[in-house]
Amino acid sequence: MSITVTLKEDQDTAVIAVVGSFDFSLFNDFRVAYSDLLKSYRYYVVDMTMVEYLDSAALGMLLSMRNFIASDSHIQLRGANAFIKNILMISRFDKRFDIQ
């Protein structure tokens, strides 16, 4: 389980990649990934391509991210497998995030 941040300055984008289980054990690391950036970005991508498991704590962390980041910034949840994407849709996250 890990989180990496890649900054694409030319695209005004911060990419936060989550690997393994996206659960409470990543609480601090995930928060630091977006809150400790030196500037605000127009676009944020949470890359979930390598996420194998997601729990309610992860849903809460995503909502906290949405509340922390400026309302005019765009957050995309990218690469979730079908099971995780279904959880996001049932939880109506498509109303707050762009789910790809």
Protein backbone atom coordinates (compact mmCIF):
# COMPACT_ATOMS: atom_id res chain seq x y z
CA MET A 1 0.00 0.00 0.00
CA SER A 2 1.45 3.29 -1.05
CA ILE A 3 0.73 6.71 -2.45
CA THR A 4 2.83 8.64 -4.94
CA VAL A 5 2.32 12.16 -6.23
CA THR A 6 3.33 13.28 -9.71
CA LEU A 7 3.08 16.95 -10.59
CA LYS A 8 2.48 17.94 -14.20
CA GLU A 9 3.13 21.66 -14.02
CA ASP A 10 2.60 22.22 -17.75
CA GLN A 11 -0.93 20.79 -17.39
CA ASP A 12 -1.63 22.37 -13.97
CA THR A 13 -2.30 18.84 -12.70
CA ALA A 14 -1.44 16.82 -9.61
CA VAL A 15 -1.73 13.04 -9.97
CA ILE A 16 -2.11 11.02 -6.78
CA ALA A 17 -1.61 7.30 -7.41
CA VAL A 18 -2.89 4.83 -4.84
CA VAL A 19 -1.51 1.27 -4.86
CA GLY A 20 -2.99 -1.70 -2.99
CA SER A 21 -5.76 -1.30 -0.44
CA PHE A 22 -7.27 2.17 -0.20
CA ASP A 23 -8.31 2.11 3.44
CA PHE A 24 -7.81 3.84 6.78
CA SER A 25 -4.14 2.83 6.91
CA LEU A 26 -3.49 5.45 4.18
CA PHE A 27 -5.35 8.26 5.97
CA ASN A 28 -2.34 10.46 6.79
CA ASP A 29 -0.42 9.72 3.58
CA PHE A 30 -3.43 10.51 1.40
CA ARG A 31 -4.18 13.77 3.22
CA VAL A 32 -0.55 14.88 2.96
CA ALA A 33 -0.55 14.03 -0.77
CA TYR A 34 -2.94 16.88 -1.55
CA SER A 35 -2.73 19.21 1.45
CA ASP A 36 1.06 19.66 1.52
CA LEU A 37 1.44 20.68 -2.13
CA LEU A 38 3.20 24.01 -2.59
CA LYS A 39 0.37 25.40 -4.70
CA SER A 40 -3.19 24.69 -5.76
CA TYR A 41 -3.76 22.94 -9.05
CA ARG A 42 -6.62 23.27 -11.50
CA TYR A 43 -6.82 19.50 -11.95
CA TYR A 44 -6.33 16.63 -9.53
CA VAL A 45 -6.33 13.01 -10.62
CA VAL A 46 -6.65 10.15 -8.15
CA ASP A 47 -5.22 7.22 -10.10
CA MET A 48 -6.95 4.08 -8.80
CA THR A 49 -5.62 1.73 -11.47
CA MET A 50 -3.69 -0.30 -8.88
CA VAL A 51 -6.32 -0.19 -6.10
CA GLU A 52 -7.44 -3.68 -5.11
CA TYR A 53 -9.75 -2.77 -2.22
CA LEU A 54 -11.62 0.32 -1.07
CA ASP A 55 -13.49 0.80 2.21
CA SER A 56 -15.72 3.45 3.75
CA ALA A 57 -12.70 5.26 5.18
CA ALA A 58 -11.41 5.77 1.63
CA LEU A 59 -14.76 7.25 0.63
CA GLY A 60 -14.47 9.63 3.56
CA MET A 61 -10.92 10.56 2.57
CA LEU A 62 -12.07 11.39 -0.96
CA LEU A 63 -14.86 13.60 0.42
CA SER A 64 -12.36 15.34 2.71
CA MET A 65 -10.17 15.98 -0.32
CA ARG A 66 -13.13 17.44 -2.21
CA ASN A 67 -13.91 19.76 0.72
CA PHE A 68 -10.26 20.83 1.12
CA ILE A 69 -9.54 21.61 -2.52
CA ALA A 70 -10.89 24.79 -4.10
CA SER A 71 -14.37 24.36 -5.53
CA ASP A 72 -13.21 25.48 -8.99
CA SER A 73 -10.61 22.69 -9.13
CA HIS A 74 -11.54 19.52 -10.96
CA ILE A 75 -11.01 16.08 -9.35
CA GLN A 76 -11.01 12.96 -11.50
CA LEU A 77 -11.08 9.42 -10.11
CA ARG A 78 -9.38 7.40 -12.80
CA GLY A 79 -8.82 3.73 -13.51
CA ALA A 80 -10.99 2.08 -10.84
CA ASN A 81 -11.91 -1.52 -11.55
CA ALA A 82 -15.58 -2.38 -12.16
CA PHE A 83 -16.26 -3.36 -8.53
CA ILE A 84 -14.78 -0.16 -7.09
CA LYS A 85 -16.41 1.98 -9.77
CA ASN A 86 -19.76 0.43 -8.80
CA ILE A 87 -19.18 1.37 -5.14
CA LEU A 88 -18.39 4.95 -6.22
CA MET A 89 -21.53 5.14 -8.33
CA ILE A 90 -23.81 3.65 -5.65
CA SER A 91 -22.35 6.20 -3.21
CA ARG A 92 -23.22 8.94 -5.76
CA PHE A 93 -19.63 10.09 -6.04
CA ASP A 94 -20.33 10.86 -9.68
CA LYS A 95 -22.08 14.01 -8.38
CA ARG A 96 -18.85 15.35 -6.81
CA PHE A 97 -16.11 13.75 -8.92
CA ASP A 98 -15.43 12.89 -12.54
CA ILE A 99 -15.26 9.09 -12.52
CA GLN A 100 -13.31 7.59 -15.44
